[in-house]
């Protein structure tokens, strides 16, 4: 599975993009479950905080847009993993 995260906004208004391919990842099962939970509808849809980040998470054909303050725990965990480990 290919997981993509794009983070934009923040104080400097910079964009960061990372991709994590789980094909040979030792924690692939956990990442797949985390991605499935992160893409589930959360019901929250507020705009980002001033100078906060907005995120786009994409896996295959599924995409979710979210922002600081409305991140679910799975979204927060997945974003952190992909931005830390992805290329």
PDB file of N, CA and C in Angstrom:
ATOM      1  N   UNK A   1       0.847  -1.173   0.000  1.00  0.00           N
ATOM      2  CA  UNK A   1       0.000   0.000   0.000  1.00  0.00           C
ATOM      3  C   UNK A   1       0.894   1.239   0.000  1.00  0.00           C
ATOM      4  N   UNK A   2       0.486   2.208  -0.756  1.00  0.00           N
ATOM      5  CA  UNK A   2       1.200   3.480  -0.820  1.00  0.00           C
ATOM      6  C   UNK A   2       0.383   4.507  -0.054  1.00  0.00           C
ATOM      7  N   UNK A   3       0.991   5.106   0.966  1.00  0.00           N
ATOM      8  CA  UNK A   3       0.314   6.100   1.795  1.00  0.00           C
ATOM      9  C   UNK A   3       1.007   7.443   1.567  1.00  0.00           C
ATOM     10  N   UNK A   4       0.234   8.443   1.182  1.00  0.00           N
ATOM     11  CA  UNK A   4       0.770   9.781   0.935  1.00  0.00           C
ATOM     12  C   UNK A   4       0.171  10.770   1.925  1.00  0.00           C
ATOM     13  N   UNK A   5       1.018  11.642   2.438  1.00  0.00           N
ATOM     14  CA  UNK A   5       0.568  12.714   3.324  1.00  0.00           C
ATOM     15  C   UNK A   5       1.138  14.031   2.812  1.00  0.00           C
ATOM     16  N   UNK A   6       0.281  15.018   2.680  1.00  0.00           N
ATOM     17  CA  UNK A   6       0.707  16.375   2.351  1.00  0.00           C
ATOM     18  C   UNK A   6       0.271  17.278   3.497  1.00  0.00           C
ATOM     19  N   UNK A   7       1.228  18.010   4.027  1.00  0.00           N
ATOM     20  CA  UNK A   7       0.953  18.967   5.107  1.00  0.00           C
ATOM     21  C   UNK A   7       1.204  20.359   4.551  1.00  0.00           C
ATOM     22  N   UNK A   8       0.248  21.259   4.734  1.00  0.00           N
ATOM     23  CA  UNK A   8       0.427  22.625   4.254  1.00  0.00           C
ATOM     24  C   UNK A   8      -0.042  23.605   5.323  1.00  0.00           C
ATOM     25  N   UNK A   9       0.389  24.850   5.167  1.00  0.00           N
ATOM     26  CA  UNK A   9       0.001  25.887   6.110  1.00  0.00           C
ATOM     27  C   UNK A   9       1.073  26.135   7.144  1.00  0.00           C
ATOM     28  N   UNK A  10       0.643  26.380   8.351  1.00  0.00           N
ATOM     29  CA  UNK A  10       1.582  26.701   9.416  1.00  0.00           C
ATOM     30  C   UNK A  10       2.014  28.149   9.327  1.00  0.00           C
ATOM     31  N   UNK A  11       2.833  28.553  10.244  1.00  0.00           N
ATOM     32  CA  UNK A  11       3.286  29.940  10.328  1.00  0.00           C
ATOM     33  C   UNK A  11       4.010  30.382   9.059  1.00  0.00           C
ATOM     34  N   UNK A  12       4.853  29.505   8.503  1.00  0.00           N
ATOM     35  CA  UNK A  12       5.627  29.869   7.317  1.00  0.00           C
ATOM     36  C   UNK A  12       4.886  29.571   6.014  1.00  0.00           C
ATOM     37  N   UNK A  13       3.778  28.827   6.080  1.00  0.00           N
ATOM     38  CA  UNK A  13       3.009  28.518   4.885  1.00  0.00           C
ATOM     39  C   UNK A  13       3.691  27.527   3.958  1.00  0.00           C
ATOM     40  N   UNK A  14       4.554  26.684   4.498  1.00  0.00           N
ATOM     41  CA  UNK A  14       5.284  25.711   3.689  1.00  0.00           C
ATOM     42  C   UNK A  14       4.478  24.435   3.504  1.00  0.00           C
ATOM     43  N   UNK A  15       4.769  23.732   2.421  1.00  0.00           N
ATOM     44  CA  UNK A  15       4.129  22.449   2.146  1.00  0.00           C
ATOM     45  C   UNK A  15       5.173  21.346   2.244  1.00  0.00           C
ATOM     46  N   UNK A  16       4.785  20.243   2.881  1.00  0.00           N
ATOM     47  CA  UNK A  16       5.662  19.079   2.989  1.00  0.00           C
ATOM     48  C   UNK A  16       4.871  17.873   2.511  1.00  0.00           C
ATOM     49  N   UNK A  17       5.510  17.049   1.697  1.00  0.00           N
ATOM     50  CA  UNK A  17       4.862  15.870   1.124  1.00  0.00           C
ATOM     51  C   UNK A  17       5.750  14.662   1.398  1.00  0.00           C
ATOM     52  N   UNK A  18       5.147  13.552   1.824  1.00  0.00           N
ATOM     53  CA  UNK A  18       5.904  12.318   2.053  1.00  0.00           C
ATOM     54  C   UNK A  18       5.065  11.134   1.606  1.00  0.00           C
ATOM     55  N   UNK A  19       5.760  10.098   1.144  1.00  0.00           N
ATOM     56  CA  UNK A  19       5.118   8.869   0.691  1.00  0.00           C
ATOM     57  C   UNK A  19       5.772   7.704   1.417  1.00  0.00           C
ATOM     58  N   UNK A  20       4.950   6.787   1.904  1.00  0.00           N
ATOM     59  CA  UNK A  20       5.449   5.593   2.567  1.00  0.00           C
ATOM     60  C   UNK A  20       4.851   4.384   1.870  1.00  0.00           C
ATOM     61  N   UNK A  21       5.699   3.534   1.330  1.00  0.00           N
ATOM     62  CA  UNK A  21       5.256   2.308   0.683  1.00  0.00           C
ATOM     63  C   UNK A  21       5.381   1.192   1.710  1.00  0.00           C
ATOM     64  N   UNK A  22       4.283   0.538   2.012  1.00  0.00           N
ATOM     65  CA  UNK A  22       4.287  -0.467   3.069  1.00  0.00           C
ATOM     66  C   UNK A  22       4.600  -1.874   2.565  1.00  0.00           C
ATOM     67  N   UNK A  23       4.891  -2.032   1.282  1.00  0.00           N
ATOM     68  CA  UNK A  23       5.100  -3.354   0.700  1.00  0.00           C
ATOM     69  C   UNK A  23       6.134  -4.180   1.472  1.00  0.00           C
ATOM     70  N   UNK A  24       7.253  -3.600   1.819  1.00  0.00           N
ATOM     71  CA  UNK A  24       8.299  -4.329   2.540  1.00  0.00           C
ATOM     72  C   UNK A  24       8.489  -3.810   3.962  1.00  0.00           C
ATOM     73  N   UNK A  25       7.532  -3.057   4.447  1.00  0.00           N
ATOM     74  CA  UNK A  25       7.648  -2.463   5.777  1.00  0.00           C
ATOM     75  C   UNK A  25       7.370  -3.521   6.849  1.00  0.00           C
ATOM     76  N   UNK A  26       8.212  -3.599   7.881  1.00  0.00           N
ATOM     77  CA  UNK A  26       8.006  -4.617   8.916  1.00  0.00           C
ATOM     78  C   UNK A  26       6.722  -4.428   9.726  1.00  0.00           C
ATOM     79  N   UNK A  27       6.151  -3.238   9.702  1.00  0.00           N
ATOM     80  CA  UNK A  27       4.943  -2.930  10.466  1.00  0.00           C
ATOM     81  C   UNK A  27       3.753  -2.682   9.532  1.00  0.00           C
ATOM     82  N   UNK A  28       3.755  -3.361   8.372  1.00  0.00           N
ATOM     83  CA  UNK A  28       2.755  -3.112   7.331  1.00  0.00           C
ATOM     84  C   UNK A  28       1.327  -3.338   7.823  1.00  0.00           C
ATOM     85  N   UNK A  29       1.083  -4.404   8.568  1.00  0.00           N
ATOM     86  CA  UNK A  29      -0.266  -4.696   9.045  1.00  0.00           C
ATOM     87  C   UNK A  29      -0.824  -3.580   9.918  1.00  0.00           C
ATOM     88  N   UNK A  30       0.003  -3.092  10.811  1.00  0.00           N
ATOM     89  CA  UNK A  30      -0.429  -1.997  11.688  1.00  0.00           C
ATOM     90  C   UNK A  30      -0.674  -0.726  10.876  1.00  0.00           C
ATOM     91  N   UNK A  31       0.202  -0.428   9.915  1.00  0.00           N
ATOM     92  CA  UNK A  31       0.041   0.763   9.084  1.00  0.00           C
ATOM     93  C   UNK A  31      -1.231   0.684   8.244  1.00  0.00           C
ATOM     94  N   UNK A  32      -1.573  -0.510   7.734  1.00  0.00           N
ATOM     95  CA  UNK A  32      -2.800  -0.668   6.946  1.00  0.00           C
ATOM     96  C   UNK A  32      -4.024  -0.404   7.820  1.00  0.00           C
ATOM     97  N   UNK A  33      -4.020  -0.948   9.039  1.00  0.00           N
ATOM     98  CA  UNK A  33      -5.141  -0.725   9.952  1.00  0.00           C
ATOM     99  C   UNK A  33      -5.242   0.749  10.340  1.00  0.00           C
ATOM    100  N   UNK A  34      -4.096   1.370  10.562  1.00  0.00           N
ATOM    101  CA  UNK A  34      -4.072   2.790  10.910  1.00  0.00           C
ATOM    102  C   UNK A  34      -4.607   3.637   9.754  1.00  0.00           C
ATOM    103  N   UNK A  35      -4.209   3.299   8.533  1.00  0.00           N
ATOM    104  CA  UNK A  35      -4.681   4.033   7.354  1.00  0.00           C
ATOM    105  C   UNK A  35      -6.191   3.876   7.187  1.00  0.00           C
ATOM    106  N   UNK A  36      -6.693   2.673   7.384  1.00  0.00           N
ATOM    107  CA  UNK A  36      -8.135   2.443   7.268  1.00  0.00           C
ATOM    108  C   UNK A  36      -8.896   3.285   8.289  1.00  0.00           C
ATOM    109  N   UNK A  37      -8.406   3.324   9.518  1.00  0.00           N
ATOM    110  CA  UNK A  37      -9.057   4.121  10.561  1.00  0.00           C
ATOM    111  C   UNK A  37      -8.920   5.619  10.274  1.00  0.00           C
ATOM    112  N   UNK A  38      -7.780   6.032   9.741  1.00  0.00           N
ATOM    113  CA  UNK A  38      -7.544   7.452   9.463  1.00  0.00           C
ATOM    114  C   UNK A  38      -8.431   7.968   8.340  1.00  0.00           C
ATOM    115  N   UNK A  39      -8.807   7.099   7.420  1.00  0.00           N
ATOM    116  CA  UNK A  39      -9.639   7.505   6.293  1.00  0.00           C
ATOM    117  C   UNK A  39     -11.130   7.443   6.592  1.00  0.00           C
ATOM    118  N   UNK A  40     -11.494   6.911   7.750  1.00  0.00           N
ATOM    119  CA  UNK A  40     -12.907   6.833   8.119  1.00  0.00           C
ATOM    120  C   UNK A  40     -13.448   8.240   8.387  1.00  0.00           C
ATOM    121  N   UNK A  41     -14.700   8.488   8.027  1.00  0.00           N
ATOM    122  CA  UNK A  41     -15.278   9.813   8.288  1.00  0.00           C
ATOM    123  C   UNK A  41     -15.238  10.131   9.786  1.00  0.00           C
ATOM    124  N   UNK A  42     -14.811  11.340  10.112  1.00  0.00           N
ATOM    125  CA  UNK A  42     -14.701  11.715  11.523  1.00  0.00           C
ATOM    126  C   UNK A  42     -15.847  12.609  11.974  1.00  0.00           C
ATOM    127  N   UNK A  43     -16.577  13.192  11.043  1.00  0.00           N
ATOM    128  CA  UNK A  43     -17.676  14.083  11.393  1.00  0.00           C
ATOM    129  C   UNK A  43     -17.232  15.521  11.629  1.00  0.00           C
ATOM    130  N   UNK A  44     -15.971  15.726  11.911  1.00  0.00           N
ATOM    131  CA  UNK A  44     -15.454  17.084  12.142  1.00  0.00           C
ATOM    132  C   UNK A  44     -15.062  17.688  10.807  1.00  0.00           C
ATOM    133  N   UNK A  45     -15.307  18.969  10.670  1.00  0.00           N
ATOM    134  CA  UNK A  45     -14.963  19.626   9.414  1.00  0.00           C
ATOM    135  C   UNK A  45     -14.754  21.112   9.642  1.00  0.00           C
ATOM    136  N   UNK A  46     -14.030  21.448  10.686  1.00  0.00           N
ATOM    137  CA  UNK A  46     -13.758  22.853  10.967  1.00  0.00           C
ATOM    138  C   UNK A  46     -12.528  23.294  10.182  1.00  0.00           C
ATOM    139  N   UNK A  47     -12.425  24.577   9.895  1.00  0.00           N
ATOM    140  CA  UNK A  47     -11.212  25.069   9.223  1.00  0.00           C
ATOM    141  C   UNK A  47     -10.021  24.959  10.180  1.00  0.00           C
ATOM    142  N   UNK A  48      -8.803  24.954   9.637  1.00  0.00           N
ATOM    143  CA  UNK A  48      -7.634  24.856  10.514  1.00  0.00           C
ATOM    144  C   UNK A  48      -7.509  26.076  11.414  1.00  0.00           C
ATOM    145  N   UNK A  49      -6.828  25.885  12.523  1.00  0.00           N
ATOM    146  CA  UNK A  49      -6.524  27.006  13.411  1.00  0.00           C
ATOM    147  C   UNK A  49      -5.705  28.029  12.635  1.00  0.00           C
ATOM    148  N   UNK A  50      -5.739  29.304  13.035  1.00  0.00           N
ATOM    149  CA  UNK A  50      -4.828  30.273  12.403  1.00  0.00           C
ATOM    150  C   UNK A  50      -3.395  29.774  12.557  1.00  0.00           C
ATOM    151  N   UNK A  51      -2.664  29.786  11.486  1.00  0.00           N
ATOM    152  CA  UNK A  51      -1.282  29.288  11.425  1.00  0.00           C
ATOM    153  C   UNK A  51      -1.184  27.800  11.740  1.00  0.00           C
ATOM    154  N   UNK A  52      -2.288  27.076  11.678  1.00  0.00           N
ATOM    155  CA  UNK A  52      -2.281  25.628  11.874  1.00  0.00           C
ATOM    156  C   UNK A  52      -2.049  24.923  10.553  1.00  0.00           C
ATOM    157  N   UNK A  53      -1.897  23.629  10.623  1.00  0.00           N
ATOM    158  CA  UNK A  53      -1.649  22.818   9.428  1.00  0.00           C
ATOM    159  C   UNK A  53      -2.935  22.194   8.907  1.00  0.00           C
ATOM    160  N   UNK A  54      -2.979  22.019   7.596  1.00  0.00           N
ATOM    161  CA  UNK A  54      -4.002  21.231   6.919  1.00  0.00           C
ATOM    162  C   UNK A  54      -3.296  20.015   6.332  1.00  0.00           C
ATOM    163  N   UNK A  55      -4.002  18.895   6.287  1.00  0.00           N
ATOM    164  CA  UNK A  55      -3.402  17.647   5.821  1.00  0.00           C
ATOM    165  C   UNK A  55      -4.281  16.999   4.768  1.00  0.00           C
ATOM    166  N   UNK A  56      -3.636  16.312   3.836  1.00  0.00           N
ATOM    167  CA  UNK A  56      -4.318  15.438   2.895  1.00  0.00           C
ATOM    168  C   UNK A  56      -3.664  14.074   3.032  1.00  0.00           C
ATOM    169  N   UNK A  57      -4.481  13.060   3.305  1.00  0.00           N
ATOM    170  CA  UNK A  57      -4.000  11.680   3.418  1.00  0.00           C
ATOM    171  C   UNK A  57      -4.616  10.908   2.268  1.00  0.00           C
ATOM    172  N   UNK A  58      -3.772  10.215   1.493  1.00  0.00           N
ATOM    173  CA  UNK A  58      -4.256   9.449   0.347  1.00  0.00           C
ATOM    174  C   UNK A  58      -3.675   8.042   0.373  1.00  0.00           C
ATOM    175  N   UNK A  59      -4.551   7.057   0.163  1.00  0.00           N
ATOM    176  CA  UNK A  59      -4.123   5.665  -0.014  1.00  0.00           C
ATOM    177  C   UNK A  59      -4.909   5.124  -1.191  1.00  0.00           C
ATOM    178  N   UNK A  60      -4.245   4.764  -2.265  1.00  0.00           N
ATOM    179  CA  UNK A  60      -4.955   4.259  -3.438  1.00  0.00           C
ATOM    180  C   UNK A  60      -5.903   5.300  -3.984  1.00  0.00           C
ATOM    181  N   UNK A  61      -7.199   5.008  -3.944  1.00  0.00           N
ATOM    182  CA  UNK A  61      -8.194   5.944  -4.468  1.00  0.00           C
ATOM    183  C   UNK A  61      -8.922   6.703  -3.361  1.00  0.00           C
ATOM    184  N   UNK A  62      -8.602   6.438  -2.103  1.00  0.00           N
ATOM    185  CA  UNK A  62      -9.272   7.113  -0.981  1.00  0.00           C
ATOM    186  C   UNK A  62      -8.428   8.291  -0.502  1.00  0.00           C
ATOM    187  N   UNK A  63      -9.108   9.404  -0.254  1.00  0.00           N
ATOM    188  CA  UNK A  63      -8.436  10.619   0.216  1.00  0.00           C
ATOM    189  C   UNK A  63      -9.286  11.258   1.305  1.00  0.00           C
ATOM    190  N   UNK A  64      -8.612  11.794   2.311  1.00  0.00           N
ATOM    191  CA  UNK A  64      -9.292  12.549   3.350  1.00  0.00           C
ATOM    192  C   UNK A  64      -8.517  13.839   3.582  1.00  0.00           C
ATOM    193  N   UNK A  65      -9.263  14.918   3.829  1.00  0.00           N
ATOM    194  CA  UNK A  65      -8.677  16.216   4.160  1.00  0.00           C
ATOM    195  C   UNK A  65      -9.009  16.496   5.617  1.00  0.00           C
ATOM    196  N   UNK A  66      -8.026  16.941   6.375  1.00  0.00           N
ATOM    197  CA  UNK A  66      -8.242  17.219   7.793  1.00  0.00           C
ATOM    198  C   UNK A  66      -7.319  18.361   8.221  1.00  0.00           C
ATOM    199  N   UNK A  67      -7.541  18.847   9.443  1.00  0.00           N
ATOM    200  CA  UNK A  67      -6.772  20.000   9.916  1.00  0.00           C
ATOM    201  C   UNK A  67      -6.477  19.852  11.402  1.00  0.00           C
ATOM    202  N   UNK A  68      -5.446  20.564  11.848  1.00  0.00           N
ATOM    203  CA  UNK A  68      -5.129  20.606  13.276  1.00  0.00           C
ATOM    204  C   UNK A  68      -6.387  20.937  14.054  1.00  0.00           C
ATOM    205  N   UNK A  69      -6.553  20.308  15.169  1.00  0.00           N
ATOM    206  CA  UNK A  69      -7.720  20.540  16.000  1.00  0.00           C
ATOM    207  C   UNK A  69      -8.831  19.551  15.743  1.00  0.00           C
ATOM    208  N   UNK A  70      -8.870  18.964  14.550  1.00  0.00           N
ATOM    209  CA  UNK A  70      -9.888  17.974  14.207  1.00  0.00           C
ATOM    210  C   UNK A  70      -9.299  16.602  13.917  1.00  0.00           C
ATOM    211  N   UNK A  71      -8.012  16.433  14.104  1.00  0.00           N
ATOM    212  CA  UNK A  71      -7.384  15.154  13.797  1.00  0.00           C
ATOM    213  C   UNK A  71      -7.846  14.082  14.783  1.00  0.00           C
ATOM    214  N   UNK A  72      -8.202  12.935  14.241  1.00  0.00           N
ATOM    215  CA  UNK A  72      -8.505  11.795  15.094  1.00  0.00           C
ATOM    216  C   UNK A  72      -7.173  11.184  15.527  1.00  0.00           C
ATOM    217  N   UNK A  73      -7.157  10.397  16.589  1.00  0.00           N
ATOM    218  CA  UNK A  73      -5.895   9.752  16.981  1.00  0.00           C
ATOM    219  C   UNK A  73      -5.256   8.922  15.859  1.00  0.00           C
ATOM    220  N   UNK A  74      -6.039   8.131  15.075  1.00  0.00           N
ATOM    221  CA  UNK A  74      -5.394   7.407  13.968  1.00  0.00           C
ATOM    222  C   UNK A  74      -4.795   8.346  12.911  1.00  0.00           C
ATOM    223  N   UNK A  75      -5.478   9.449  12.612  1.00  0.00           N
ATOM    224  CA  UNK A  75      -4.932  10.405  11.646  1.00  0.00           C
ATOM    225  C   UNK A  75      -3.626  10.993  12.166  1.00  0.00           C
ATOM    226  N   UNK A  76      -3.617  11.395  13.422  1.00  0.00           N
ATOM    227  CA  UNK A  76      -2.419  11.986  14.026  1.00  0.00           C
ATOM    228  C   UNK A  76      -1.248  10.995  13.989  1.00  0.00           C
ATOM    229  N   UNK A  77      -1.519   9.739  14.350  1.00  0.00           N
ATOM    230  CA  UNK A  77      -0.466   8.721  14.357  1.00  0.00           C
ATOM    231  C   UNK A  77       0.051   8.428  12.946  1.00  0.00           C
ATOM    232  N   UNK A  78      -0.877   8.294  11.998  1.00  0.00           N
ATOM    233  CA  UNK A  78      -0.477   7.990  10.624  1.00  0.00           C
ATOM    234  C   UNK A  78       0.316   9.138  10.017  1.00  0.00           C
ATOM    235  N   UNK A  79      -0.138  10.357  10.209  1.00  0.00           N
ATOM    236  CA  UNK A  79       0.572  11.530   9.694  1.00  0.00           C
ATOM    237  C   UNK A  79       1.989  11.567  10.244  1.00  0.00           C
ATOM    238  N   UNK A  80       2.129  11.365  11.545  1.00  0.00           N
ATOM    239  CA  UNK A  80       3.452  11.392  12.161  1.00  0.00           C
ATOM    240  C   UNK A  80       4.363  10.311  11.591  1.00  0.00           C
ATOM    241  N   UNK A  81       3.823   9.092  11.415  1.00  0.00           N
ATOM    242  CA  UNK A  81       4.636   7.986  10.882  1.00  0.00           C
ATOM    243  C   UNK A  81       5.077   8.255   9.451  1.00  0.00           C
ATOM    244  N   UNK A  82       4.148   8.693   8.612  1.00  0.00           N
ATOM    245  CA  UNK A  82       4.480   8.901   7.200  1.00  0.00           C
ATOM    246  C   UNK A  82       5.460  10.068   7.049  1.00  0.00           C
ATOM    247  N   UNK A  83       5.244  11.161   7.756  1.00  0.00           N
ATOM    248  CA  UNK A  83       6.156  12.282   7.632  1.00  0.00           C
ATOM    249  C   UNK A  83       7.536  11.950   8.192  1.00  0.00           C
ATOM    250  N   UNK A  84       7.619  11.080   9.199  1.00  0.00           N
ATOM    251  CA  UNK A  84       8.908  10.695   9.779  1.00  0.00           C
ATOM    252  C   UNK A  84       9.632   9.645   8.961  1.00  0.00           C
ATOM    253  N   UNK A  85       8.905   8.678   8.417  1.00  0.00           N
ATOM    254  CA  UNK A  85       9.535   7.541   7.747  1.00  0.00           C
ATOM    255  C   UNK A  85       9.467   7.590   6.236  1.00  0.00           C
ATOM    256  N   UNK A  86       8.549   8.381   5.698  1.00  0.00           N
ATOM    257  CA  UNK A  86       8.349   8.411   4.252  1.00  0.00           C
ATOM    258  C   UNK A  86       9.413   9.230   3.528  1.00  0.00           C
ATOM    259  N   UNK A  87       9.428   9.027   2.231  1.00  0.00           N
ATOM    260  CA  UNK A  87      10.377   9.767   1.391  1.00  0.00           C
ATOM    261  C   UNK A  87       9.671  10.857   0.631  1.00  0.00           C
TER     262      UNK A  87
END
